[in-house]
């Protein structure tokens, strides 16, 4: 199991992802508006799996006419066309990401950060239980691990030593 290298994206990687996005929009007959492009660009830059509200706050300064409703509708459109993924959390707000390659999520119970990780042995070797197969066709398998992240553990250690 290893943490995903997604945490750092070069300018070249961002531009390549944007080019793929633009082509996907053309292929889907989806109009490529300035708002859609900027919302997607902000998602590419993000490593924190932002909510619609977080994206809105980040984009509001550079796009003062952008509405929260537009952000919600745009994210729904992107998700419907599988250009982004929704990260399932127990919080009331949906969180989103651009990375669509197979990976899983560690969610910190304290700070609520979401950290991507790759678990190759699970992805390659995990047999699906027959009880799930009887329910219907499985469309995805994702692991969500909950716990306390290293940053929170370090803060607790410092506080305990003080």
N, C-alpha and C. Protein backbone atom coordinates (compact mmCIF):
# COMPACT_ATOMS: atom_id res chain seq x y z
N UNK A 1 0.86 -1.16 0.00
CA UNK A 1 0.00 0.00 0.00
C UNK A 1 0.91 1.23 0.00
N UNK A 2 0.62 2.18 -0.89
CA UNK A 2 1.43 3.38 -0.94
C UNK A 2 0.55 4.59 -1.19
N UNK A 3 1.02 5.73 -0.72
CA UNK A 3 0.30 6.97 -0.95
C UNK A 3 0.45 7.36 -2.40
N UNK A 4 -0.60 7.86 -2.99
CA UNK A 4 -0.58 8.24 -4.39
C UNK A 4 0.36 9.41 -4.62
N UNK A 5 1.02 9.42 -5.78
CA UNK A 5 1.92 10.52 -6.13
C UNK A 5 1.14 11.73 -6.63
N UNK A 6 -0.16 11.69 -6.55
CA UNK A 6 -1.03 12.75 -7.03
C UNK A 6 -0.83 14.07 -6.29
N UNK A 7 -0.22 14.03 -5.13
CA UNK A 7 -0.12 15.21 -4.30
C UNK A 7 0.61 16.36 -5.00
N UNK A 8 1.50 16.05 -5.91
CA UNK A 8 2.20 17.11 -6.61
C UNK A 8 1.99 16.93 -8.10
N UNK A 9 1.48 17.95 -8.74
CA UNK A 9 1.27 17.91 -10.18
C UNK A 9 2.08 19.02 -10.82
N UNK A 10 2.79 18.67 -11.84
CA UNK A 10 3.58 19.67 -12.56
C UNK A 10 2.66 20.47 -13.48
N UNK A 11 3.16 21.60 -13.92
CA UNK A 11 2.40 22.42 -14.85
C UNK A 11 2.10 21.64 -16.13
N UNK A 12 3.05 20.81 -16.55
CA UNK A 12 2.87 19.99 -17.75
C UNK A 12 1.73 18.98 -17.56
N UNK A 13 1.66 18.37 -16.37
CA UNK A 13 0.60 17.41 -16.08
C UNK A 13 -0.77 18.10 -16.06
N UNK A 14 -0.81 19.29 -15.48
CA UNK A 14 -2.06 20.05 -15.43
C UNK A 14 -2.52 20.40 -16.83
N UNK A 15 -1.60 20.87 -17.66
CA UNK A 15 -1.95 21.23 -19.05
C UNK A 15 -2.42 20.01 -19.84
N UNK A 16 -1.77 18.87 -19.63
CA UNK A 16 -2.18 17.65 -20.33
C UNK A 16 -3.58 17.23 -19.90
N UNK A 17 -3.85 17.33 -18.60
CA UNK A 17 -5.18 16.97 -18.09
C UNK A 17 -6.24 17.91 -18.64
N UNK A 18 -5.91 19.21 -18.74
CA UNK A 18 -6.85 20.18 -19.31
C UNK A 18 -7.12 19.89 -20.78
N UNK A 19 -6.08 19.51 -21.52
CA UNK A 19 -6.27 19.17 -22.93
C UNK A 19 -7.19 17.95 -23.07
N UNK A 20 -6.99 16.95 -22.21
CA UNK A 20 -7.87 15.77 -22.22
C UNK A 20 -9.30 16.17 -21.90
N UNK A 21 -9.47 17.07 -20.93
CA UNK A 21 -10.79 17.54 -20.53
C UNK A 21 -11.47 18.26 -21.70
N UNK A 22 -10.75 19.15 -22.36
CA UNK A 22 -11.31 19.89 -23.49
C UNK A 22 -11.76 18.94 -24.59
N UNK A 23 -10.95 17.91 -24.87
CA UNK A 23 -11.32 16.93 -25.89
C UNK A 23 -12.54 16.12 -25.45
N UNK A 24 -12.59 15.75 -24.19
CA UNK A 24 -13.73 14.99 -23.67
C UNK A 24 -15.02 15.81 -23.78
N UNK A 25 -14.93 17.11 -23.53
CA UNK A 25 -16.10 17.98 -23.66
C UNK A 25 -16.56 18.02 -25.11
N UNK A 26 -15.61 18.19 -26.03
CA UNK A 26 -15.97 18.20 -27.47
C UNK A 26 -16.61 16.88 -27.87
N UNK A 27 -16.01 15.77 -27.45
CA UNK A 27 -16.54 14.45 -27.79
C UNK A 27 -17.95 14.24 -27.24
N UNK A 28 -18.24 14.82 -26.08
CA UNK A 28 -19.55 14.66 -25.45
C UNK A 28 -20.55 15.71 -25.91
N UNK A 29 -20.11 16.64 -26.78
CA UNK A 29 -21.00 17.71 -27.22
C UNK A 29 -21.30 18.70 -26.11
N UNK A 30 -20.39 18.81 -25.18
CA UNK A 30 -20.55 19.69 -24.02
C UNK A 30 -19.85 21.01 -24.29
N UNK A 31 -20.60 22.09 -24.23
CA UNK A 31 -20.03 23.41 -24.49
C UNK A 31 -18.95 23.72 -23.45
N UNK A 32 -17.80 24.15 -23.92
CA UNK A 32 -16.68 24.46 -23.04
C UNK A 32 -16.72 25.94 -22.68
N UNK A 33 -17.37 26.24 -21.56
CA UNK A 33 -17.49 27.62 -21.11
C UNK A 33 -16.31 27.99 -20.22
N UNK A 34 -16.12 29.27 -20.02
CA UNK A 34 -15.06 29.76 -19.15
C UNK A 34 -15.25 29.22 -17.73
N UNK A 35 -16.49 29.22 -17.25
CA UNK A 35 -16.76 28.72 -15.89
C UNK A 35 -16.42 27.24 -15.75
N UNK A 36 -16.83 26.43 -16.73
CA UNK A 36 -16.52 25.00 -16.68
C UNK A 36 -15.01 24.77 -16.67
N UNK A 37 -14.32 25.49 -17.52
CA UNK A 37 -12.87 25.33 -17.61
C UNK A 37 -12.19 25.72 -16.30
N UNK A 38 -12.61 26.81 -15.69
CA UNK A 38 -11.99 27.26 -14.44
C UNK A 38 -12.32 26.35 -13.27
N UNK A 39 -13.54 25.83 -13.24
CA UNK A 39 -13.91 24.88 -12.17
C UNK A 39 -13.08 23.61 -12.30
N UNK A 40 -12.94 23.11 -13.52
CA UNK A 40 -12.13 21.92 -13.74
C UNK A 40 -10.66 22.18 -13.42
N UNK A 41 -10.15 23.34 -13.85
CA UNK A 41 -8.75 23.69 -13.58
C UNK A 41 -8.49 23.72 -12.07
N UNK A 42 -9.43 24.29 -11.31
CA UNK A 42 -9.25 24.34 -9.85
C UNK A 42 -9.28 22.94 -9.24
N UNK A 43 -10.12 22.06 -9.78
CA UNK A 43 -10.14 20.68 -9.30
C UNK A 43 -8.82 19.97 -9.59
N UNK A 44 -8.23 20.24 -10.75
CA UNK A 44 -6.95 19.62 -11.09
C UNK A 44 -5.88 20.06 -10.10
N UNK A 45 -5.88 21.33 -9.76
CA UNK A 45 -4.86 21.87 -8.85
C UNK A 45 -5.06 21.39 -7.41
N UNK A 46 -6.26 21.00 -7.07
CA UNK A 46 -6.60 20.65 -5.69
C UNK A 46 -6.13 19.26 -5.30
N UNK A 47 -5.58 19.17 -4.12
CA UNK A 47 -5.21 17.87 -3.57
C UNK A 47 -6.06 17.53 -2.35
N UNK A 48 -7.01 18.40 -2.01
CA UNK A 48 -7.79 18.22 -0.79
C UNK A 48 -9.22 17.73 -1.03
N UNK A 49 -9.55 17.34 -2.26
CA UNK A 49 -10.88 16.83 -2.56
C UNK A 49 -11.95 17.85 -2.12
N UNK A 50 -11.98 19.03 -2.75
CA UNK A 50 -12.85 20.10 -2.27
C UNK A 50 -14.33 19.83 -2.49
N UNK A 51 -15.14 20.47 -1.67
CA UNK A 51 -16.60 20.45 -1.83
C UNK A 51 -16.97 21.55 -2.83
N UNK A 52 -18.22 21.57 -3.25
CA UNK A 52 -18.70 22.62 -4.16
C UNK A 52 -18.52 23.99 -3.51
N UNK A 53 -18.81 24.07 -2.22
CA UNK A 53 -18.68 25.35 -1.51
C UNK A 53 -17.24 25.83 -1.46
N UNK A 54 -16.32 24.91 -1.25
CA UNK A 54 -14.89 25.25 -1.23
C UNK A 54 -14.45 25.74 -2.60
N UNK A 55 -14.85 25.04 -3.65
CA UNK A 55 -14.51 25.48 -5.01
C UNK A 55 -15.07 26.87 -5.28
N UNK A 56 -16.30 27.09 -4.88
CA UNK A 56 -16.93 28.40 -5.08
C UNK A 56 -16.13 29.50 -4.41
N UNK A 57 -15.75 29.28 -3.15
CA UNK A 57 -14.97 30.30 -2.42
C UNK A 57 -13.63 30.56 -3.10
N UNK A 58 -12.98 29.51 -3.58
CA UNK A 58 -11.68 29.68 -4.24
C UNK A 58 -11.79 30.44 -5.56
N UNK A 59 -12.88 30.25 -6.27
CA UNK A 59 -13.03 30.85 -7.59
C UNK A 59 -13.71 32.21 -7.58
N UNK A 60 -14.37 32.53 -6.49
CA UNK A 60 -15.17 33.75 -6.40
C UNK A 60 -14.35 35.01 -6.65
N UNK A 61 -13.12 35.06 -6.15
CA UNK A 61 -12.30 36.27 -6.34
C UNK A 61 -11.99 36.53 -7.80
N UNK A 62 -11.61 35.50 -8.53
CA UNK A 62 -11.27 35.69 -9.93
C UNK A 62 -12.49 35.68 -10.85
N UNK A 63 -13.62 35.17 -10.36
CA UNK A 63 -14.85 35.12 -11.15
C UNK A 63 -16.02 35.62 -10.29
N UNK A 64 -16.12 36.92 -10.08
CA UNK A 64 -17.13 37.46 -9.16
C UNK A 64 -18.58 37.18 -9.58
N UNK A 65 -18.82 36.88 -10.85
CA UNK A 65 -20.19 36.62 -11.30
C UNK A 65 -20.57 35.14 -11.16
N UNK A 66 -19.63 34.31 -10.76
CA UNK A 66 -19.90 32.88 -10.59
C UNK A 66 -20.85 32.66 -9.41
N UNK A 67 -21.84 31.81 -9.60
CA UNK A 67 -22.77 31.52 -8.51
C UNK A 67 -22.51 30.12 -7.97
N UNK A 68 -22.89 29.91 -6.74
CA UNK A 68 -22.75 28.59 -6.12
C UNK A 68 -23.59 27.57 -6.89
N UNK A 69 -24.75 27.98 -7.36
CA UNK A 69 -25.61 27.09 -8.14
C UNK A 69 -24.89 26.62 -9.41
N UNK A 70 -24.17 27.51 -10.06
CA UNK A 70 -23.41 27.14 -11.26
C UNK A 70 -22.35 26.10 -10.92
N UNK A 71 -21.68 26.26 -9.80
CA UNK A 71 -20.67 25.29 -9.38
C UNK A 71 -21.33 23.93 -9.16
N UNK A 72 -22.45 23.90 -8.45
CA UNK A 72 -23.16 22.64 -8.21
C UNK A 72 -23.58 21.98 -9.52
N UNK A 73 -24.19 22.76 -10.40
CA UNK A 73 -24.67 22.19 -11.67
C UNK A 73 -23.50 21.70 -12.53
N UNK A 74 -22.41 22.44 -12.53
CA UNK A 74 -21.23 22.07 -13.31
C UNK A 74 -20.63 20.77 -12.78
N UNK A 75 -20.50 20.66 -11.47
CA UNK A 75 -19.97 19.42 -10.88
C UNK A 75 -20.87 18.23 -11.20
N UNK A 76 -22.18 18.44 -11.15
CA UNK A 76 -23.12 17.36 -11.48
C UNK A 76 -22.95 16.93 -12.94
N UNK A 77 -22.78 17.90 -13.82
CA UNK A 77 -22.57 17.60 -15.24
C UNK A 77 -21.27 16.83 -15.44
N UNK A 78 -20.21 17.28 -14.79
CA UNK A 78 -18.92 16.60 -14.90
C UNK A 78 -19.00 15.17 -14.37
N UNK A 79 -19.66 15.02 -13.24
CA UNK A 79 -19.78 13.69 -12.65
C UNK A 79 -20.60 12.77 -13.53
N UNK A 80 -21.69 13.28 -14.08
CA UNK A 80 -22.56 12.51 -14.96
C UNK A 80 -21.79 12.00 -16.18
N UNK A 81 -20.86 12.79 -16.68
CA UNK A 81 -20.07 12.42 -17.85
C UNK A 81 -18.75 11.76 -17.49
N UNK A 82 -18.59 11.43 -16.19
CA UNK A 82 -17.43 10.72 -15.66
C UNK A 82 -16.11 11.46 -15.91
N UNK A 83 -16.18 12.80 -15.85
CA UNK A 83 -14.99 13.64 -15.97
C UNK A 83 -14.36 13.87 -14.60
N UNK A 84 -15.15 13.71 -13.55
CA UNK A 84 -14.69 13.82 -12.17
C UNK A 84 -15.34 12.71 -11.37
N UNK A 85 -14.88 12.55 -10.14
CA UNK A 85 -15.47 11.54 -9.26
C UNK A 85 -15.88 12.19 -7.95
N UNK A 86 -16.96 11.70 -7.39
CA UNK A 86 -17.42 12.12 -6.08
C UNK A 86 -16.75 11.20 -5.06
N UNK A 87 -16.23 11.79 -4.00
CA UNK A 87 -15.62 11.02 -2.92
C UNK A 87 -16.67 10.86 -1.84
N UNK A 88 -16.97 9.62 -1.52
CA UNK A 88 -17.98 9.34 -0.50
C UNK A 88 -17.40 9.60 0.88
N UNK A 89 -18.05 10.42 1.65
CA UNK A 89 -17.65 10.70 3.03
C UNK A 89 -18.87 10.61 3.92
N UNK A 90 -18.67 10.66 5.21
CA UNK A 90 -19.80 10.67 6.13
C UNK A 90 -20.24 12.09 6.44
N UNK A 91 -19.51 13.07 5.92
CA UNK A 91 -19.88 14.47 6.10
C UNK A 91 -21.11 14.77 5.25
N UNK A 92 -21.73 15.88 5.50
CA UNK A 92 -22.92 16.24 4.73
C UNK A 92 -22.57 16.80 3.35
N UNK A 93 -21.34 17.25 3.15
CA UNK A 93 -20.94 17.82 1.87
C UNK A 93 -20.23 16.79 1.01
N UNK A 94 -20.63 16.72 -0.26
CA UNK A 94 -19.92 15.86 -1.21
C UNK A 94 -18.56 16.50 -1.49
N UNK A 95 -17.57 15.67 -1.74
CA UNK A 95 -16.23 16.14 -2.08
C UNK A 95 -15.90 15.56 -3.45
N UNK A 96 -15.06 16.26 -4.21
CA UNK A 96 -14.81 15.89 -5.60
C UNK A 96 -13.33 15.83 -5.92
N UNK A 97 -12.99 15.07 -6.97
CA UNK A 97 -11.63 14.96 -7.44
C UNK A 97 -11.61 14.68 -8.94
N UNK A 98 -10.47 14.99 -9.55
CA UNK A 98 -10.29 14.73 -10.97
C UNK A 98 -9.67 13.37 -11.20
N UNK A 99 -8.84 12.90 -10.31
CA UNK A 99 -8.13 11.64 -10.53
C UNK A 99 -9.11 10.50 -10.66
N UNK A 100 -9.12 9.87 -11.82
CA UNK A 100 -10.04 8.77 -12.06
C UNK A 100 -9.33 7.42 -12.12
N UNK A 101 -8.00 7.44 -11.99
CA UNK A 101 -7.27 6.19 -11.94
C UNK A 101 -7.60 5.48 -10.64
N UNK A 102 -7.49 4.16 -10.64
CA UNK A 102 -7.84 3.39 -9.44
C UNK A 102 -6.99 3.82 -8.26
N UNK A 103 -7.67 4.17 -7.19
CA UNK A 103 -7.03 4.52 -5.93
C UNK A 103 -8.10 4.49 -4.85
N UNK A 104 -7.68 4.67 -3.63
CA UNK A 104 -8.58 4.60 -2.48
C UNK A 104 -8.35 5.83 -1.61
N UNK A 105 -9.12 5.95 -0.53
CA UNK A 105 -9.04 7.16 0.30
C UNK A 105 -8.89 6.84 1.78
N UNK A 106 -8.03 7.61 2.42
CA UNK A 106 -7.87 7.61 3.87
C UNK A 106 -8.51 8.91 4.35
N UNK A 107 -9.48 8.83 5.25
CA UNK A 107 -10.16 10.02 5.76
C UNK A 107 -9.82 10.17 7.23
N UNK A 108 -9.26 11.33 7.57
CA UNK A 108 -8.90 11.60 8.96
C UNK A 108 -10.15 11.96 9.76
N UNK A 109 -10.35 11.28 10.87
CA UNK A 109 -11.50 11.53 11.73
C UNK A 109 -11.40 12.86 12.47
N UNK A 110 -10.20 13.43 12.56
CA UNK A 110 -10.02 14.69 13.29
C UNK A 110 -10.14 15.90 12.38
N UNK A 111 -9.29 15.96 11.36
CA UNK A 111 -9.26 17.16 10.51
C UNK A 111 -10.06 16.99 9.22
N UNK A 112 -10.57 15.79 8.97
CA UNK A 112 -11.40 15.47 7.81
C UNK A 112 -10.66 15.55 6.48
N UNK A 113 -9.32 15.56 6.52
CA UNK A 113 -8.57 15.55 5.26
C UNK A 113 -8.77 14.19 4.59
N UNK A 114 -8.67 14.20 3.27
CA UNK A 114 -8.79 12.98 2.48
C UNK A 114 -7.48 12.80 1.74
N UNK A 115 -6.87 11.64 1.95
CA UNK A 115 -5.57 11.35 1.34
C UNK A 115 -5.71 10.14 0.42
N UNK A 116 -5.27 10.30 -0.82
CA UNK A 116 -5.31 9.20 -1.78
C UNK A 116 -4.20 8.20 -1.48
N UNK A 117 -4.50 6.92 -1.70
CA UNK A 117 -3.47 5.90 -1.64
C UNK A 117 -3.81 4.78 -2.61
N UNK A 118 -2.79 4.04 -3.00
CA UNK A 118 -2.94 2.92 -3.92
C UNK A 118 -2.72 1.64 -3.13
N UNK A 119 -3.57 0.67 -3.35
CA UNK A 119 -3.49 -0.62 -2.67
C UNK A 119 -3.56 -1.71 -3.72
N UNK A 120 -2.43 -1.97 -4.35
CA UNK A 120 -2.38 -2.88 -5.49
C UNK A 120 -2.80 -4.30 -5.14
N UNK A 121 -2.42 -4.80 -3.97
CA UNK A 121 -2.79 -6.17 -3.62
C UNK A 121 -4.30 -6.32 -3.48
N UNK A 122 -4.96 -5.31 -2.97
CA UNK A 122 -6.43 -5.35 -2.88
C UNK A 122 -7.04 -5.32 -4.28
N UNK A 123 -6.54 -4.41 -5.11
CA UNK A 123 -7.11 -4.24 -6.45
C UNK A 123 -6.92 -5.48 -7.32
N UNK A 124 -5.79 -6.15 -7.18
CA UNK A 124 -5.49 -7.31 -8.02
C UNK A 124 -5.99 -8.62 -7.44
N UNK A 125 -5.96 -8.74 -6.13
CA UNK A 125 -6.21 -10.05 -5.55
C UNK A 125 -7.48 -10.21 -4.77
N UNK A 126 -8.27 -9.18 -4.65
CA UNK A 126 -9.45 -9.27 -3.81
C UNK A 126 -10.59 -9.95 -4.57
N UNK A 127 -10.95 -11.13 -4.13
CA UNK A 127 -12.08 -11.83 -4.74
C UNK A 127 -13.38 -11.20 -4.26
N UNK A 128 -14.32 -11.10 -5.16
CA UNK A 128 -15.61 -10.55 -4.78
C UNK A 128 -16.46 -11.64 -4.14
N UNK A 129 -17.05 -11.33 -2.99
CA UNK A 129 -17.90 -12.32 -2.32
C UNK A 129 -19.09 -12.69 -3.19
N UNK A 130 -19.44 -13.95 -3.19
CA UNK A 130 -20.59 -14.42 -3.97
C UNK A 130 -21.86 -13.71 -3.57
N UNK A 131 -21.98 -13.33 -2.29
CA UNK A 131 -23.19 -12.64 -1.84
C UNK A 131 -23.37 -11.30 -2.56
N UNK A 132 -22.27 -10.64 -2.90
CA UNK A 132 -22.37 -9.39 -3.66
C UNK A 132 -22.77 -9.65 -5.10
N UNK A 133 -22.23 -10.69 -5.69
CA UNK A 133 -22.55 -11.03 -7.08
C UNK A 133 -24.04 -11.34 -7.24
N UNK A 134 -24.65 -11.92 -6.21
CA UNK A 134 -26.07 -12.25 -6.29
C UNK A 134 -26.95 -11.00 -6.25
N UNK A 135 -26.40 -9.88 -5.75
CA UNK A 135 -27.18 -8.64 -5.68
C UNK A 135 -27.31 -7.96 -7.03
N UNK A 136 -26.32 -8.16 -7.88
CA UNK A 136 -26.33 -7.51 -9.20
C UNK A 136 -24.92 -7.28 -9.69
N UNK A 137 -24.80 -6.45 -10.71
CA UNK A 137 -23.50 -6.16 -11.31
C UNK A 137 -22.78 -5.08 -10.50
N UNK A 138 -21.54 -5.34 -10.15
CA UNK A 138 -20.74 -4.39 -9.39
C UNK A 138 -20.09 -3.43 -10.37
N UNK A 139 -20.24 -2.13 -10.13
CA UNK A 139 -19.67 -1.14 -11.05
C UNK A 139 -18.37 -0.55 -10.55
N UNK A 140 -18.13 -0.60 -9.25
CA UNK A 140 -16.86 -0.08 -8.73
C UNK A 140 -16.57 -0.70 -7.37
N UNK A 141 -15.30 -0.69 -7.03
CA UNK A 141 -14.85 -1.16 -5.72
C UNK A 141 -13.88 -0.12 -5.19
N UNK A 142 -14.22 0.49 -4.08
CA UNK A 142 -13.36 1.50 -3.49
C UNK A 142 -13.24 1.26 -2.00
N UNK A 143 -12.04 1.44 -1.50
CA UNK A 143 -11.79 1.30 -0.08
C UNK A 143 -11.72 2.69 0.53
N UNK A 144 -12.42 2.89 1.61
CA UNK A 144 -12.30 4.11 2.39
C UNK A 144 -11.83 3.68 3.78
N UNK A 145 -10.66 4.17 4.13
CA UNK A 145 -10.07 3.85 5.42
C UNK A 145 -10.18 5.09 6.29
N UNK A 146 -10.65 4.92 7.50
CA UNK A 146 -10.79 6.03 8.43
C UNK A 146 -9.79 5.87 9.56
N UNK A 147 -9.33 6.98 10.08
CA UNK A 147 -8.39 6.95 11.19
C UNK A 147 -7.92 8.36 11.50
N UNK A 148 -6.72 8.48 12.03
CA UNK A 148 -6.14 9.77 12.36
C UNK A 148 -4.87 9.93 11.52
N UNK A 149 -4.78 11.02 10.77
CA UNK A 149 -3.65 11.23 9.87
C UNK A 149 -2.38 11.57 10.66
N UNK A 150 -1.24 11.44 9.99
CA UNK A 150 0.05 11.71 10.63
C UNK A 150 0.16 13.14 11.13
N UNK A 151 -0.43 14.10 10.42
CA UNK A 151 -0.37 15.50 10.87
C UNK A 151 -1.08 15.68 12.20
N UNK A 152 -2.25 15.09 12.33
CA UNK A 152 -2.99 15.19 13.59
C UNK A 152 -2.27 14.44 14.71
N UNK A 153 -1.71 13.28 14.40
CA UNK A 153 -0.95 12.52 15.40
C UNK A 153 0.24 13.32 15.89
N UNK A 154 0.93 14.01 14.96
CA UNK A 154 2.08 14.83 15.35
C UNK A 154 1.66 15.99 16.24
N UNK A 155 0.54 16.64 15.91
CA UNK A 155 0.03 17.74 16.75
C UNK A 155 -0.33 17.23 18.14
N UNK A 156 -0.93 16.06 18.22
CA UNK A 156 -1.28 15.48 19.52
C UNK A 156 -0.03 15.18 20.33
N UNK A 157 1.00 14.67 19.66
CA UNK A 157 2.25 14.36 20.35
C UNK A 157 2.89 15.62 20.92
N UNK A 158 2.92 16.68 20.12
CA UNK A 158 3.49 17.97 20.56
C UNK A 158 2.69 18.50 21.75
N UNK A 159 1.37 18.42 21.66
CA UNK A 159 0.52 18.93 22.74
C UNK A 159 0.72 18.11 24.02
N UNK A 160 0.92 16.82 23.89
CA UNK A 160 1.11 15.96 25.04
C UNK A 160 2.46 16.21 25.71
N UNK A 161 3.45 16.58 24.91
CA UNK A 161 4.80 16.85 25.43
C UNK A 161 4.90 18.24 26.06
N UNK A 162 3.97 19.11 25.75
CA UNK A 162 4.04 20.48 26.25
C UNK A 162 3.61 20.59 27.69
